Amino acid sequence: MRSSLALVLVLPLLVAAEAGAQTLPLGFPLGPPAAEALQAKGAKLQVSIDRSKVDLAGHKLEVKLSHPCEKVRLKVLGQSGAVLAEVEKAFNGAPAGTVLEVSWAPSSEEAVGRIEVWGHDTGGFFSGVAITPWNMTVPHEELNFETNSDVIRAGEVPKLEASLQQISDAVSKHTDLGPITLYVVGHTDTVGSPESNLGLSRKRARSIAAWFKSRGLRIAIAYEGLGQSALLVKTADQVDEPRNRRADYILSLDPPKLPASGSWKGI
């Protein structure tokens, strides 16, 4: 299946100890006097990233700091480990909680394997997080539903059984990544009204998700329908295009982006 969704997992580079001390990110040593002052004050600089705003295709992301921000440093690594970009952007004391956009220009088209982000506050302290993009769209044979129906017919079950095996195999190979969720996205052609197609695609996506759940898939499962809003083959209204009647099966660490009107529903 085709998907351009970019998904990320945020892994802490800096861990705050329960007693209030901080562990420092590799590559950025903090001298003993500053470290002692940090522990004495109990200050904890936190860096957070809106994962829904990480745009790998557009080469940009958004960061927030819990303290006033002096600058943000960013390092982008490819899947081979090669450095694709290094960026430092000044924010000159932007207030805590300000949305800080940072972009980069990659040196090649290699897929991103890791993004390291450090936020520096105006007091000289810093903290970092690492973003590891991962998602997998599972190729599969599309189900055929009867007109205006979301009922899975007996003759279509072997297709789902084959997909279940592929999903289970993929999950077993990536247990080191953390909790993986299956996202099922339903689509329709342009026959009928946009409103009815949206509802139908959502019902069909739920039927598929519920089938996987009922067959013992032991990961979280979510679904949503997009109706005719994301056509695979662009057509005019009222065109019966089989390739647009489809569903995406996406394995991901974080929820794929949806239009503002959509929301993931759990099974």
Protein backbone atom coordinates (compact mmCIF):
# COMPACT_ATOMS: atom_id res chain seq x y z
CA MET A 1 0.00 0.00 0.00
CA ARG A 2 1.03 3.59 -0.46
CA SER A 3 1.59 5.95 2.37
CA SER A 4 3.58 9.10 2.92
CA LEU A 5 2.89 9.29 6.61
CA ALA A 6 5.74 10.10 8.81
CA LEU A 7 5.73 8.62 12.24
CA VAL A 8 8.14 9.16 15.14
CA LEU A 9 9.15 7.81 18.51
CA VAL A 10 10.62 10.23 21.02
CA LEU A 11 13.36 8.68 23.14
CA PRO A 12 14.85 10.72 26.00
CA LEU A 13 18.51 11.60 25.72
CA LEU A 14 18.34 13.32 29.08
CA VAL A 15 16.70 11.61 32.04
CA ALA A 16 15.77 13.48 35.20
CA ALA A 17 16.52 11.54 38.36
CA GLU A 18 13.82 11.32 40.99
CA ALA A 19 16.01 13.24 43.42
CA GLY A 20 16.12 16.22 41.04
CA ALA A 21 19.54 15.66 39.44
CA GLN A 22 19.90 15.47 35.65
CA THR A 23 21.78 13.03 33.47
CA LEU A 24 23.45 14.81 30.59
CA PRO A 25 23.18 13.98 26.88
CA LEU A 26 26.24 12.52 25.22
CA GLY A 27 28.51 15.05 23.57
CA PHE A 28 27.51 17.95 25.81
CA PRO A 29 29.47 17.73 29.10
CA LEU A 30 28.45 20.15 31.82
CA GLY A 31 31.16 21.32 34.22
CA PRO A 32 30.90 20.36 37.92
CA PRO A 33 30.03 23.86 39.23
CA ALA A 34 27.10 24.22 36.85
CA ALA A 35 25.97 20.67 37.53
CA GLU A 36 26.03 21.30 41.29
CA ALA A 37 24.03 24.50 40.87
CA LEU A 38 21.54 22.69 38.71
CA GLN A 39 20.99 19.99 41.32
CA ALA A 40 20.80 22.53 44.14
CA LYS A 41 18.08 24.50 42.39
CA GLY A 42 16.22 21.36 41.36
CA ALA A 43 15.75 22.88 37.89
CA LYS A 44 14.68 20.50 35.17
CA LEU A 45 14.76 21.80 31.64
CA GLN A 46 12.34 19.80 29.51
CA VAL A 47 12.34 19.65 25.74
CA SER A 48 9.17 18.44 24.04
CA ILE A 49 8.34 17.85 20.39
CA ASP A 50 4.88 17.85 18.85
CA ARG A 51 5.13 14.55 17.02
CA SER A 52 2.15 15.41 14.81
CA LYS A 53 4.13 18.41 13.53
CA VAL A 54 7.27 16.50 12.58
CA ASP A 55 7.39 16.88 8.81
CA LEU A 56 10.12 14.69 7.35
CA ALA A 57 9.14 15.50 3.76
CA GLY A 58 9.22 19.24 4.50
CA HIS A 59 12.35 18.93 6.68
CA LYS A 60 10.99 20.71 9.74
CA LEU A 61 9.69 20.13 13.25
CA GLU A 62 8.39 22.06 16.25
CA VAL A 63 10.00 22.19 19.69
CA LYS A 64 8.96 23.61 23.07
CA LEU A 65 11.15 24.27 26.11
CA SER A 66 10.00 24.51 29.71
CA HIS A 67 12.46 27.42 30.24
CA PRO A 68 13.10 30.54 28.13
CA CYS A 69 14.97 29.39 25.04
CA GLU A 70 18.33 30.69 23.91
CA LYS A 71 18.80 28.29 20.99
CA VAL A 72 17.95 24.88 19.57
CA ARG A 73 20.49 22.53 18.03
CA LEU A 74 19.48 19.76 15.67
CA LYS A 75 21.36 16.86 14.08
CA VAL A 76 19.76 14.68 11.40
CA LEU A 77 21.18 11.23 10.74
CA GLY A 78 20.36 8.92 7.84
CA GLN A 79 19.55 5.24 8.23
CA SER A 80 23.18 4.47 7.38
CA GLY A 81 24.34 6.71 10.24
CA ALA A 82 25.58 9.43 7.91
CA VAL A 83 25.00 13.02 9.05
CA LEU A 84 22.41 14.59 6.73
CA ALA A 85 22.21 17.99 8.44
CA GLU A 86 23.33 19.94 11.51
CA VAL A 87 21.47 23.10 12.46
CA GLU A 88 21.71 25.66 15.23
CA LYS A 89 18.95 28.26 15.46
CA ALA A 90 18.86 31.14 17.94
CA PHE A 91 15.61 32.10 19.68
CA ASN A 92 17.04 34.85 21.89
CA GLY A 93 15.08 34.16 25.07
CA ALA A 94 11.76 33.07 23.60
CA PRO A 95 9.36 32.51 26.56
CA ALA A 96 8.86 29.04 27.97
CA GLY A 97 6.22 27.11 26.06
CA THR A 98 6.74 29.02 22.81
CA VAL A 99 6.38 26.91 19.67
CA LEU A 100 9.83 26.94 18.07
CA GLU A 101 10.05 25.78 14.46
CA VAL A 102 13.36 24.41 13.24
CA SER A 103 14.02 23.30 9.68
CA TRP A 104 16.96 21.66 7.94
CA ALA A 105 18.31 21.12 4.43
CA PRO A 106 19.45 17.50 4.03
CA SER A 107 22.67 16.77 2.17
CA SER A 108 21.11 13.78 0.39
CA GLU A 109 17.81 11.99 -0.18
CA GLU A 110 18.69 9.19 2.25
CA ALA A 111 15.83 8.25 4.57
CA VAL A 112 16.04 9.76 8.03
CA GLY A 113 17.02 7.29 10.71
CA ARG A 114 17.35 9.59 13.71
CA ILE A 115 17.01 13.25 14.65
CA GLU A 116 18.75 14.56 17.76
CA VAL A 117 17.38 17.80 19.20
CA TRP A 118 18.89 19.84 22.04
CA GLY A 119 17.25 22.86 23.62
CA HIS A 120 19.44 25.44 25.44
CA ASP A 121 17.83 27.81 27.92
CA THR A 122 18.95 31.32 28.80
CA GLY A 123 20.55 30.08 32.04
CA GLY A 124 23.10 27.95 30.21
CA PHE A 125 21.38 24.59 30.74
CA PHE A 126 20.35 22.19 28.02
CA SER A 127 18.40 19.00 27.47
CA GLY A 128 17.76 16.78 24.49
CA VAL A 129 15.50 14.23 22.87
CA ALA A 130 16.02 11.85 19.97
CA ILE A 131 13.38 11.19 17.32
CA THR A 132 13.43 7.82 15.60
CA PRO A 133 10.99 7.69 12.65
CA TRP A 134 9.44 4.28 12.02
CA ASN A 135 6.33 3.09 10.26
CA MET A 136 5.42 0.27 7.96
CA THR A 137 2.53 0.03 5.52
CA VAL A 138 1.50 -3.60 5.16
CA PRO A 139 0.86 -4.69 1.56
CA HIS A 140 -2.32 -6.72 1.23
CA GLU A 141 -5.15 -7.80 -1.04
CA GLU A 142 -8.14 -5.47 -0.75
CA LEU A 143 -11.44 -6.72 0.63
CA ASN A 144 -14.54 -6.55 -1.52
CA PHE A 145 -17.61 -5.31 0.35
CA GLU A 146 -21.15 -5.33 -0.94
CA THR A 147 -22.57 -1.93 -1.88
CA ASN A 148 -23.17 0.27 1.19
CA SER A 149 -22.16 -2.59 3.49
CA ASP A 150 -19.42 -2.98 6.07
CA VAL A 151 -19.99 -6.70 6.60
CA ILE A 152 -16.96 -8.90 5.93
CA ARG A 153 -18.13 -11.79 3.74
CA ALA A 154 -16.86 -15.31 4.36
CA GLY A 155 -15.14 -15.42 0.98
CA GLU A 156 -13.01 -12.42 1.92
CA VAL A 157 -11.66 -13.89 5.17
CA PRO A 158 -8.60 -15.59 3.57
CA LYS A 159 -7.37 -12.13 2.54
CA LEU A 160 -7.52 -10.95 6.14
CA GLU A 161 -5.85 -14.13 7.38
CA ALA A 162 -2.92 -13.51 5.03
CA SER A 163 -2.68 -9.90 6.22
CA LEU A 164 -2.82 -10.99 9.87
CA GLN A 165 0.17 -13.25 9.30
CA GLN A 166 2.14 -10.42 7.68
CA ILE A 167 1.29 -8.04 10.50
CA SER A 168 2.23 -10.56 13.18
CA ASP A 169 5.54 -11.33 11.45
CA ALA A 170 6.40 -7.62 11.16
CA VAL A 171 5.61 -6.92 14.81
CA SER A 172 7.75 -9.86 15.97
CA LYS A 173 10.73 -8.49 14.03
CA HIS A 174 10.52 -5.04 15.61
CA THR A 175 9.95 -5.71 19.29
CA ASP A 176 13.00 -3.56 20.09
CA LEU A 177 11.24 -0.39 18.91
CA GLY A 178 8.63 -0.25 21.64
CA PRO A 179 4.83 -0.56 21.57
CA ILE A 180 3.55 -0.80 17.99
CA THR A 181 -0.02 0.02 16.97
CA LEU A 182 -1.93 -1.11 13.90
CA TYR A 183 -3.82 1.75 12.24
CA VAL A 184 -6.55 0.86 9.73
CA VAL A 185 -7.62 3.65 7.37
CA GLY A 186 -10.68 3.26 5.13
CA HIS A 187 -11.17 4.97 1.76
CA THR A 188 -13.94 5.10 -0.88
CA ASP A 189 -14.42 6.17 -4.47
CA THR A 190 -16.51 9.23 -5.38
CA VAL A 191 -19.83 7.48 -5.97
CA GLY A 192 -22.31 8.88 -3.46
CA SER A 193 -22.11 11.95 -1.26
CA PRO A 194 -18.92 12.86 0.63
CA GLU A 195 -20.81 12.54 3.92
CA SER A 196 -22.09 9.02 3.22
CA ASN A 197 -18.71 7.92 1.91
CA LEU A 198 -16.99 9.18 5.03
CA GLY A 199 -19.34 7.20 7.24
CA LEU A 200 -19.06 4.08 5.09
CA SER A 201 -15.25 4.17 5.04
CA ARG A 202 -15.18 4.54 8.82
CA LYS A 203 -17.53 1.56 9.31
CA ARG A 204 -15.48 -0.63 6.98
CA ALA A 205 -12.24 0.34 8.68
CA ARG A 206 -13.80 -0.56 12.02
CA SER A 207 -14.95 -3.94 10.69
CA ILE A 208 -11.43 -4.76 9.56
CA ALA A 209 -9.88 -3.57 12.81
CA ALA A 210 -12.41 -5.54 14.85
CA TRP A 211 -11.68 -8.68 12.81
CA PHE A 212 -7.96 -8.44 13.59
CA LYS A 213 -8.78 -7.89 17.26
CA SER A 214 -11.13 -10.87 17.35
CA ARG A 215 -8.44 -13.11 15.86
CA GLY A 216 -6.06 -12.39 18.72
CA LEU A 217 -3.76 -9.69 17.35
CA ARG A 218 -1.97 -8.67 20.54
CA ILE A 219 -1.13 -5.05 19.80
CA ALA A 220 -3.20 -1.88 20.03
CA ILE A 221 -5.49 -1.34 17.04
CA ALA A 222 -7.05 1.93 15.90
CA TYR A 223 -9.11 2.92 12.88
CA GLU A 224 -10.50 5.89 10.98
CA GLY A 225 -12.22 6.52 7.65
CA LEU A 226 -11.31 9.25 5.18
CA GLY A 227 -14.08 8.64 2.66
CA GLN A 228 -13.21 10.14 -0.72
CA SER A 229 -10.86 12.80 0.65
CA ALA A 230 -7.61 10.92 -0.14
CA LEU A 231 -8.13 9.38 -3.55
CA LEU A 232 -5.42 7.09 -4.83
CA VAL A 233 -6.59 7.79 -8.39
CA LYS A 234 -7.92 11.29 -8.95
CA THR A 235 -11.38 11.19 -10.54
CA ALA A 236 -14.43 13.38 -10.96
CA ASP A 237 -17.48 12.95 -8.75
CA GLN A 238 -19.63 9.82 -9.14
CA VAL A 239 -16.82 7.75 -10.69
CA ASP A 240 -16.68 4.05 -9.78
CA GLU A 241 -12.92 3.55 -9.42
CA PRO A 242 -12.05 0.23 -7.68
CA ARG A 243 -8.54 1.38 -6.74
CA ASN A 244 -10.02 4.12 -4.57
CA ARG A 245 -12.06 1.59 -2.55
CA ARG A 246 -9.25 0.50 -0.30
CA ALA A 247 -7.87 0.37 3.23
CA ASP A 248 -4.41 1.13 4.56
CA TYR A 249 -2.87 -1.11 7.22
CA ILE A 250 -0.17 0.92 8.94
CA LEU A 251 2.10 -0.31 11.71
CA SER A 252 3.50 2.64 13.63
CA LEU A 253 4.93 3.80 16.91
CA ASP A 254 2.87 6.98 16.90
CA PRO A 255 -0.46 7.96 15.34
CA PRO A 256 -0.28 8.89 11.65
CA LYS A 257 -1.44 12.36 10.75
CA LEU A 258 -5.12 12.80 10.04
CA PRO A 259 -7.16 15.73 8.69
CA ALA A 260 -8.40 18.09 11.36
CA SER A 261 -11.86 16.52 11.10
CA GLY A 262 -10.57 13.01 11.80
CA SER A 263 -9.59 11.19 14.97
CA TRP A 264 -8.31 7.70 15.73
CA LYS A 265 -10.76 5.34 17.39
CA GLY A 266 -9.58 2.37 19.41
CA ILE A 267 -10.88 -1.19 19.25
